[in-house]
């Protein structure tokens, strides 16, 4: 009986931890876009920023995307401390009114969420976040390289 109770508590605790670390569906000051919307924007010249590590980018990425890795050490949480992380804002367009699209490995990946937040907080005004990331893009059969 005690074993079942402990097992139940552990299961509940791990489930709540998993939920606590899920990437939110929205981000204040940032527009969440679908793969279809991102593709249409990219076709008009909007820069697409791949926030994954270099070897993931080298394996395959959205056609035309630029790799600007988000190196995270902070918690996978909405209250993350960006000072613990590294993201090279100098590699983004200098025009803070230029639209940008950020992506990584899908809804469980925090890198594009964090990069979009950092860019928005730094003054970029037209930040788009492809929350479904590379998996959503690929599932639609859109161009990769």
Protein backbone atom coordinates (compact mmCIF):
# COMPACT_ATOMS: atom_id res chain seq x y z
CA UNK A 1 0.00 0.00 0.00
CA UNK A 2 2.73 2.45 0.96
CA UNK A 3 4.67 1.48 -2.18
CA UNK A 4 1.68 2.28 -4.40
CA UNK A 5 1.18 5.61 -2.65
CA UNK A 6 4.84 6.56 -3.11
CA UNK A 7 4.75 5.44 -6.75
CA UNK A 8 1.62 7.54 -7.30
CA UNK A 9 3.23 10.59 -5.72
CA UNK A 10 6.35 10.16 -7.84
CA UNK A 11 4.26 9.84 -10.99
CA UNK A 12 2.27 12.96 -10.14
CA UNK A 13 5.44 14.90 -9.34
CA UNK A 14 7.13 13.91 -12.59
CA UNK A 15 4.01 14.80 -14.60
CA UNK A 16 3.84 18.25 -13.01
CA UNK A 17 7.54 18.79 -13.70
CA UNK A 18 7.02 17.85 -17.34
CA UNK A 19 4.15 20.31 -17.61
CA UNK A 20 6.21 23.01 -15.91
CA UNK A 21 8.88 22.63 -18.60
CA UNK A 22 6.59 22.62 -21.64
CA UNK A 23 7.19 25.55 -23.99
CA UNK A 24 4.22 27.92 -23.72
CA UNK A 25 1.83 28.26 -26.65
CA UNK A 26 2.26 32.05 -26.74
CA UNK A 27 4.90 34.65 -25.99
CA UNK A 28 4.06 38.28 -25.19
CA UNK A 29 5.30 40.69 -27.85
CA UNK A 30 5.92 37.85 -30.33
CA UNK A 31 3.66 36.43 -33.03
CA UNK A 32 3.36 32.65 -33.16
CA UNK A 33 3.23 31.48 -36.78
CA UNK A 34 2.47 28.18 -38.48
CA UNK A 35 4.81 26.56 -41.00
CA UNK A 36 2.51 27.79 -43.78
CA UNK A 37 2.69 31.38 -42.55
CA UNK A 38 6.46 31.15 -42.05
CA UNK A 39 6.92 29.81 -45.58
CA UNK A 40 4.91 32.65 -47.11
CA UNK A 41 6.93 35.19 -45.13
CA UNK A 42 10.26 33.54 -46.03
CA UNK A 43 9.26 33.63 -49.72
CA UNK A 44 9.02 37.43 -49.43
CA UNK A 45 12.53 37.64 -47.97
CA UNK A 46 11.84 37.59 -44.24
CA UNK A 47 14.95 36.18 -42.51
CA UNK A 48 14.52 32.75 -40.94
CA UNK A 49 16.75 32.15 -37.92
CA UNK A 50 17.63 28.57 -36.92
CA UNK A 51 18.52 28.63 -33.21
CA UNK A 52 19.68 25.01 -33.06
CA UNK A 53 23.30 23.96 -32.59
CA UNK A 54 25.58 23.91 -35.62
CA UNK A 55 25.57 20.15 -36.21
CA UNK A 56 21.74 20.06 -36.26
CA UNK A 57 21.75 22.92 -38.75
CA UNK A 58 24.38 21.13 -40.86
CA UNK A 59 22.27 17.94 -40.93
CA UNK A 60 19.23 19.76 -42.35
CA UNK A 61 17.50 23.10 -41.98
CA UNK A 62 14.80 25.26 -43.51
CA UNK A 63 15.96 26.33 -46.95
CA UNK A 64 17.64 29.73 -46.72
CA UNK A 65 17.69 29.81 -42.91
CA UNK A 66 20.63 31.41 -41.09
CA UNK A 67 22.11 29.57 -38.13
CA UNK A 68 22.38 31.73 -35.00
CA UNK A 69 22.59 29.15 -32.20
CA UNK A 70 20.98 29.91 -28.86
CA UNK A 71 23.36 28.46 -26.28
CA UNK A 72 21.27 27.89 -23.19
CA UNK A 73 22.37 27.26 -19.64
CA UNK A 74 19.31 28.82 -18.01
CA UNK A 75 16.25 26.93 -16.84
CA UNK A 76 13.74 25.71 -19.41
CA UNK A 77 11.14 28.00 -17.94
CA UNK A 78 9.35 31.24 -18.84
CA UNK A 79 11.28 32.99 -16.08
CA UNK A 80 14.65 31.99 -17.57
CA UNK A 81 17.69 34.20 -16.90
CA UNK A 82 19.00 35.21 -20.34
CA UNK A 83 22.27 36.38 -18.73
CA UNK A 84 23.16 32.71 -18.21
CA UNK A 85 22.76 32.04 -21.93
CA UNK A 86 24.53 33.21 -25.08
CA UNK A 87 22.75 34.52 -28.16
CA UNK A 88 24.56 36.76 -30.64
CA UNK A 89 22.09 39.55 -31.37
CA UNK A 90 24.71 41.17 -33.63
CA UNK A 91 23.97 38.42 -36.18
CA UNK A 92 20.37 39.62 -36.54
CA UNK A 93 19.41 42.38 -39.00
CA UNK A 94 20.32 45.80 -37.62
CA UNK A 95 16.88 47.14 -38.53
CA UNK A 96 14.75 46.55 -35.44
CA UNK A 97 11.62 46.98 -37.57
CA UNK A 98 12.62 44.09 -39.83
CA UNK A 99 10.50 40.98 -39.36
CA UNK A 100 12.30 37.83 -38.17
CA UNK A 101 11.24 34.20 -37.84
CA UNK A 102 12.83 32.01 -35.14
CA UNK A 103 12.63 28.22 -34.98
CA UNK A 104 14.25 25.16 -33.42
CA UNK A 105 13.20 21.53 -32.86
CA UNK A 106 9.50 21.98 -32.20
CA UNK A 107 7.22 22.69 -29.25
CA UNK A 108 9.47 20.96 -26.73
CA UNK A 109 12.52 23.04 -27.73
CA UNK A 110 13.14 26.19 -25.68
CA UNK A 111 15.90 27.72 -27.85
CA UNK A 112 13.65 29.53 -30.34
CA UNK A 113 11.29 30.63 -27.54
CA UNK A 114 14.23 32.15 -25.65
CA UNK A 115 15.79 33.70 -28.78
CA UNK A 116 12.46 35.26 -29.77
CA UNK A 117 12.02 36.67 -26.26
CA UNK A 118 15.58 38.02 -26.11
CA UNK A 119 15.20 39.66 -29.55
CA UNK A 120 11.84 41.15 -28.60
CA UNK A 121 13.22 42.42 -25.29
CA UNK A 122 16.19 43.94 -27.18
CA UNK A 123 13.85 46.00 -29.34
CA UNK A 124 13.05 43.96 -32.44
CA UNK A 125 9.39 44.74 -33.08
CA UNK A 126 8.28 42.13 -35.62
CA UNK A 127 9.42 38.88 -34.07
CA UNK A 128 7.74 35.70 -35.33
CA UNK A 129 8.09 32.33 -33.61
CA UNK A 130 7.58 29.10 -35.53
CA UNK A 131 6.65 27.13 -32.41
CA UNK A 132 6.25 23.87 -34.35
CA UNK A 133 9.81 24.35 -35.56
CA UNK A 134 11.69 22.19 -38.01
CA UNK A 135 9.47 19.11 -37.44
CA UNK A 136 6.33 21.04 -38.46
CA UNK A 137 8.12 22.52 -41.49
CA UNK A 138 9.34 19.10 -42.65
CA UNK A 139 5.95 17.47 -42.06
CA UNK A 140 4.45 19.91 -44.59
CA UNK A 141 7.01 18.88 -47.21
CA UNK A 142 8.48 22.39 -47.41
CA UNK A 143 12.00 22.93 -48.78
CA UNK A 144 14.95 21.95 -46.61
CA UNK A 145 18.66 21.87 -47.29
